[in-house]
Amino acid sequence: MDLQRPIRRIKREVNYYRKVSTDPRTPAISRYLLAAALAYLLSPIDLIPDFIPIVGHLDDLIIVGGLVLLARLFVPNVVLMHYRKHGEENIVTHAKDDQN
């Protein structure tokens, strides 16, 4: 199984949300929600400990995913589309670089 592809996707998404959160058009509530998602993801404290099979990691997915989705509701679509389009242009450039 090739792990480089999912790792690249995660890096791309983190970079996307970093750019969205630093855009001046992004409301403060979205910034706080994205910061909370990152803090929860990096925090050693969980609602359900990770050593419990499946459920331990599932709570991370639900909470972080929910915070990110909630943050997106407050961000203007223009901002989301701007950075998504900019990210896709970088993907094409990196794909060409990988082939050479």
N, C-alpha and C. Protein backbone atom coordinates (compact mmCIF):
# COMPACT_ATOMS: atom_id res chain seq x y z
N MET A 1 0.84 -1.18 0.00
CA MET A 1 0.00 0.00 0.00
C MET A 1 0.88 1.24 0.00
N ASP A 2 0.58 2.16 -0.88
CA ASP A 2 1.34 3.39 -1.02
C ASP A 2 0.83 4.42 -0.02
N LEU A 3 1.66 4.77 0.96
CA LEU A 3 1.26 5.73 1.99
C LEU A 3 1.54 7.17 1.59
N GLN A 4 2.30 7.38 0.54
CA GLN A 4 2.63 8.74 0.14
C GLN A 4 1.40 9.52 -0.31
N ARG A 5 0.49 8.85 -0.98
CA ARG A 5 -0.70 9.53 -1.49
C ARG A 5 -1.58 10.08 -0.36
N PRO A 6 -1.95 9.27 0.65
CA PRO A 6 -2.75 9.84 1.75
C PRO A 6 -1.99 10.89 2.56
N ILE A 7 -0.69 10.71 2.70
CA ILE A 7 0.10 11.70 3.44
C ILE A 7 0.11 13.03 2.71
N ARG A 8 0.26 12.99 1.39
CA ARG A 8 0.19 14.22 0.59
C ARG A 8 -1.17 14.89 0.72
N ARG A 9 -2.22 14.08 0.72
CA ARG A 9 -3.57 14.63 0.84
C ARG A 9 -3.77 15.32 2.19
N ILE A 10 -3.28 14.70 3.25
CA ILE A 10 -3.40 15.30 4.59
C ILE A 10 -2.62 16.61 4.64
N LYS A 11 -1.42 16.61 4.11
CA LYS A 11 -0.62 17.84 4.08
C LYS A 11 -1.34 18.93 3.30
N ARG A 12 -1.93 18.56 2.18
CA ARG A 12 -2.65 19.52 1.34
C ARG A 12 -3.85 20.11 2.09
N GLU A 13 -4.59 19.26 2.80
CA GLU A 13 -5.76 19.74 3.54
C GLU A 13 -5.34 20.64 4.71
N VAL A 14 -4.28 20.27 5.42
CA VAL A 14 -3.81 21.10 6.53
C VAL A 14 -3.38 22.46 5.99
N ASN A 15 -2.65 22.47 4.90
CA ASN A 15 -2.22 23.72 4.28
C ASN A 15 -3.42 24.55 3.83
N TYR A 16 -4.43 23.90 3.27
CA TYR A 16 -5.65 24.58 2.81
C TYR A 16 -6.34 25.28 3.98
N TYR A 17 -6.54 24.55 5.08
CA TYR A 17 -7.23 25.15 6.22
C TYR A 17 -6.37 26.19 6.93
N ARG A 18 -5.06 26.06 6.85
CA ARG A 18 -4.18 27.09 7.41
C ARG A 18 -4.36 28.39 6.64
N LYS A 19 -4.40 28.28 5.31
CA LYS A 19 -4.58 29.48 4.48
C LYS A 19 -5.96 30.09 4.70
N VAL A 20 -6.98 29.25 4.78
CA VAL A 20 -8.34 29.75 5.01
C VAL A 20 -8.41 30.47 6.36
N SER A 21 -7.80 29.90 7.38
CA SER A 21 -7.89 30.50 8.71
C SER A 21 -7.11 31.80 8.83
N THR A 22 -6.12 32.01 7.99
CA THR A 22 -5.35 33.26 8.06
C THR A 22 -5.87 34.33 7.12
N ASP A 23 -6.85 34.01 6.30
CA ASP A 23 -7.43 35.00 5.39
C ASP A 23 -8.23 36.02 6.21
N PRO A 24 -8.07 37.32 5.93
CA PRO A 24 -8.79 38.33 6.71
C PRO A 24 -10.32 38.26 6.54
N ARG A 25 -10.79 37.64 5.47
CA ARG A 25 -12.24 37.52 5.25
C ARG A 25 -12.86 36.40 6.06
N THR A 26 -12.03 35.55 6.67
CA THR A 26 -12.54 34.45 7.49
C THR A 26 -12.96 34.99 8.85
N PRO A 27 -14.21 34.71 9.26
CA PRO A 27 -14.68 35.21 10.57
C PRO A 27 -13.92 34.58 11.73
N ALA A 28 -13.89 35.30 12.84
CA ALA A 28 -13.17 34.85 14.04
C ALA A 28 -13.70 33.51 14.54
N ILE A 29 -15.00 33.29 14.47
CA ILE A 29 -15.57 32.03 14.97
C ILE A 29 -14.99 30.83 14.21
N SER A 30 -14.78 30.98 12.92
CA SER A 30 -14.19 29.89 12.13
C SER A 30 -12.75 29.65 12.53
N ARG A 31 -12.04 30.71 12.80
CA ARG A 31 -10.64 30.58 13.24
C ARG A 31 -10.57 29.83 14.57
N TYR A 32 -11.46 30.19 15.49
CA TYR A 32 -11.49 29.53 16.80
C TYR A 32 -11.85 28.05 16.65
N LEU A 33 -12.82 27.75 15.79
CA LEU A 33 -13.22 26.35 15.59
C LEU A 33 -12.10 25.53 14.97
N LEU A 34 -11.40 26.09 13.98
CA LEU A 34 -10.28 25.38 13.36
C LEU A 34 -9.14 25.19 14.37
N ALA A 35 -8.90 26.20 15.19
CA ALA A 35 -7.87 26.07 16.23
C ALA A 35 -8.26 24.99 17.24
N ALA A 36 -9.55 24.94 17.59
CA ALA A 36 -10.02 23.92 18.53
C ALA A 36 -9.87 22.52 17.94
N ALA A 37 -10.14 22.37 16.64
CA ALA A 37 -9.98 21.07 15.98
C ALA A 37 -8.52 20.63 16.02
N LEU A 38 -7.63 21.55 15.73
CA LEU A 38 -6.20 21.22 15.76
C LEU A 38 -5.74 20.90 17.18
N ALA A 39 -6.20 21.69 18.14
CA ALA A 39 -5.82 21.45 19.54
C ALA A 39 -6.32 20.09 20.01
N TYR A 40 -7.55 19.73 19.66
CA TYR A 40 -8.09 18.43 20.08
C TYR A 40 -7.31 17.29 19.43
N LEU A 41 -6.98 17.48 18.16
CA LEU A 41 -6.24 16.44 17.44
C LEU A 41 -4.86 16.21 18.05
N LEU A 42 -4.21 17.27 18.48
CA LEU A 42 -2.86 17.16 19.03
C LEU A 42 -2.83 16.90 20.53
N SER A 43 -3.95 17.07 21.19
CA SER A 43 -4.01 16.91 22.64
C SER A 43 -3.90 15.44 23.04
N PRO A 44 -3.18 15.18 24.11
CA PRO A 44 -3.10 13.79 24.60
C PRO A 44 -4.37 13.37 25.35
N ILE A 45 -5.24 14.33 25.64
CA ILE A 45 -6.48 14.04 26.37
C ILE A 45 -7.61 13.83 25.38
N ASP A 46 -8.30 12.70 25.48
CA ASP A 46 -9.42 12.36 24.60
C ASP A 46 -10.66 12.10 25.43
N LEU A 47 -11.82 12.25 24.79
CA LEU A 47 -13.06 11.87 25.47
C LEU A 47 -13.10 10.36 25.68
N ILE A 48 -12.69 9.63 24.64
CA ILE A 48 -12.60 8.18 24.72
C ILE A 48 -11.14 7.82 24.42
N PRO A 49 -10.45 7.15 25.33
CA PRO A 49 -9.03 6.84 25.12
C PRO A 49 -8.79 6.06 23.82
N ASP A 50 -7.68 6.38 23.16
CA ASP A 50 -7.35 5.76 21.87
C ASP A 50 -7.03 4.27 21.98
N PHE A 51 -6.70 3.79 23.16
CA PHE A 51 -6.37 2.36 23.28
C PHE A 51 -7.61 1.47 23.19
N ILE A 52 -8.81 2.06 23.24
CA ILE A 52 -10.04 1.27 23.04
C ILE A 52 -10.21 1.09 21.53
N PRO A 53 -10.21 -0.15 21.06
CA PRO A 53 -10.25 -0.39 19.61
C PRO A 53 -11.43 0.30 18.92
N ILE A 54 -11.16 0.85 17.78
CA ILE A 54 -12.08 1.51 16.87
C ILE A 54 -12.74 2.75 17.48
N VAL A 55 -13.45 2.59 18.58
CA VAL A 55 -14.18 3.70 19.18
C VAL A 55 -13.23 4.81 19.65
N GLY A 56 -12.05 4.45 20.09
CA GLY A 56 -11.08 5.42 20.57
C GLY A 56 -10.64 6.39 19.50
N HIS A 57 -10.49 5.91 18.28
CA HIS A 57 -10.10 6.78 17.17
C HIS A 57 -11.32 7.39 16.50
N LEU A 58 -12.44 6.74 16.62
CA LEU A 58 -13.66 7.24 16.00
C LEU A 58 -14.09 8.57 16.62
N ASP A 59 -13.92 8.72 17.93
CA ASP A 59 -14.30 9.99 18.56
C ASP A 59 -13.44 11.14 18.03
N ASP A 60 -12.15 10.88 17.76
CA ASP A 60 -11.28 11.92 17.19
C ASP A 60 -11.82 12.34 15.82
N LEU A 61 -12.15 11.36 15.01
CA LEU A 61 -12.65 11.63 13.67
C LEU A 61 -13.95 12.45 13.72
N ILE A 62 -14.86 12.08 14.59
CA ILE A 62 -16.15 12.76 14.68
C ILE A 62 -15.99 14.18 15.21
N ILE A 63 -15.23 14.35 16.28
CA ILE A 63 -15.08 15.68 16.88
C ILE A 63 -14.30 16.62 15.97
N VAL A 64 -13.17 16.18 15.46
CA VAL A 64 -12.36 17.04 14.59
C VAL A 64 -13.11 17.33 13.29
N GLY A 65 -13.70 16.31 12.71
CA GLY A 65 -14.48 16.51 11.48
C GLY A 65 -15.65 17.46 11.70
N GLY A 66 -16.33 17.31 12.82
CA GLY A 66 -17.46 18.18 13.13
C GLY A 66 -17.04 19.63 13.32
N LEU A 67 -15.93 19.84 14.00
CA LEU A 67 -15.43 21.21 14.20
C LEU A 67 -15.03 21.85 12.87
N VAL A 68 -14.40 21.08 12.02
CA VAL A 68 -13.99 21.61 10.71
C VAL A 68 -15.23 21.93 9.86
N LEU A 69 -16.20 21.02 9.84
CA LEU A 69 -17.41 21.28 9.07
C LEU A 69 -18.17 22.50 9.61
N LEU A 70 -18.23 22.64 10.91
CA LEU A 70 -18.89 23.79 11.51
C LEU A 70 -18.15 25.08 11.16
N ALA A 71 -16.84 25.04 11.19
CA ALA A 71 -16.04 26.22 10.83
C ALA A 71 -16.30 26.63 9.38
N ARG A 72 -16.42 25.64 8.50
CA ARG A 72 -16.66 25.93 7.08
C ARG A 72 -17.99 26.64 6.84
N LEU A 73 -18.96 26.39 7.69
CA LEU A 73 -20.28 27.03 7.52
C LEU A 73 -20.20 28.54 7.62
N PHE A 74 -19.25 29.05 8.39
CA PHE A 74 -19.13 30.50 8.61
C PHE A 74 -18.19 31.18 7.62
N VAL A 75 -17.39 30.42 6.91
CA VAL A 75 -16.43 31.00 5.97
C VAL A 75 -17.14 31.28 4.64
N PRO A 76 -16.96 32.49 4.10
CA PRO A 76 -17.57 32.79 2.80
C PRO A 76 -17.09 31.82 1.72
N ASN A 77 -18.00 31.42 0.84
CA ASN A 77 -17.65 30.48 -0.23
C ASN A 77 -16.52 31.00 -1.12
N VAL A 78 -16.46 32.31 -1.29
CA VAL A 78 -15.41 32.91 -2.11
C VAL A 78 -14.03 32.55 -1.56
N VAL A 79 -13.89 32.59 -0.25
CA VAL A 79 -12.60 32.27 0.38
C VAL A 79 -12.28 30.80 0.20
N LEU A 80 -13.27 29.93 0.46
CA LEU A 80 -13.05 28.49 0.32
C LEU A 80 -12.66 28.13 -1.12
N MET A 81 -13.39 28.68 -2.08
CA MET A 81 -13.11 28.36 -3.49
C MET A 81 -11.76 28.92 -3.94
N HIS A 82 -11.41 30.11 -3.44
CA HIS A 82 -10.13 30.71 -3.82
C HIS A 82 -8.95 29.81 -3.44
N TYR A 83 -8.95 29.37 -2.19
CA TYR A 83 -7.83 28.54 -1.74
C TYR A 83 -7.90 27.12 -2.26
N ARG A 84 -9.09 26.61 -2.52
CA ARG A 84 -9.21 25.26 -3.10
C ARG A 84 -8.67 25.29 -4.53
N LYS A 85 -9.04 26.33 -5.28
CA LYS A 85 -8.56 26.44 -6.66
C LYS A 85 -7.04 26.62 -6.67
N HIS A 86 -6.53 27.44 -5.79
CA HIS A 86 -5.09 27.67 -5.70
C HIS A 86 -4.36 26.37 -5.35
N GLY A 87 -4.94 25.57 -4.46
CA GLY A 87 -4.34 24.29 -4.08
C GLY A 87 -4.34 23.29 -5.22
N GLU A 88 -5.43 23.29 -6.03
CA GLU A 88 -5.50 22.37 -7.16
C GLU A 88 -4.46 22.72 -8.21
N GLU A 89 -4.18 24.01 -8.40
CA GLU A 89 -3.14 24.41 -9.34
C GLU A 89 -1.78 23.89 -8.88
N ASN A 90 -1.54 23.90 -7.58
CA ASN A 90 -0.28 23.38 -7.04
C ASN A 90 -0.19 21.87 -7.23
N ILE A 91 -1.31 21.17 -7.14
CA ILE A 91 -1.32 19.72 -7.32
C ILE A 91 -0.88 19.37 -8.73
N VAL A 92 -1.41 20.09 -9.71
CA VAL A 92 -1.06 19.84 -11.11
C VAL A 92 0.43 20.09 -11.30
N THR A 93 0.95 21.16 -10.73
CA THR A 93 2.37 21.48 -10.84
C THR A 93 3.22 20.38 -10.21
N HIS A 94 2.84 19.92 -9.01
CA HIS A 94 3.61 18.86 -8.34
C HIS A 94 3.50 17.53 -9.08
N ALA A 95 2.35 17.25 -9.66
CA ALA A 95 2.19 16.01 -10.42
C ALA A 95 3.12 16.01 -11.63
N LYS A 96 3.24 17.16 -12.30
CA LYS A 96 4.15 17.25 -13.45
C LYS A 96 5.59 17.09 -12.99
N ASP A 97 5.92 17.68 -11.82
CA ASP A 97 7.28 17.56 -11.29
C ASP A 97 7.61 16.12 -10.92
N ASP A 98 6.61 15.39 -10.39
CA ASP A 98 6.82 13.99 -9.99
C ASP A 98 7.08 13.09 -11.19
N GLN A 99 6.46 13.43 -12.33
CA GLN A 99 6.60 12.60 -13.53
C GLN A 99 7.96 12.78 -14.18
N ASN A 100 8.55 13.95 -14.01
CA ASN A 100 9.85 14.22 -14.65
C ASN A 100 11.00 13.65 -13.89
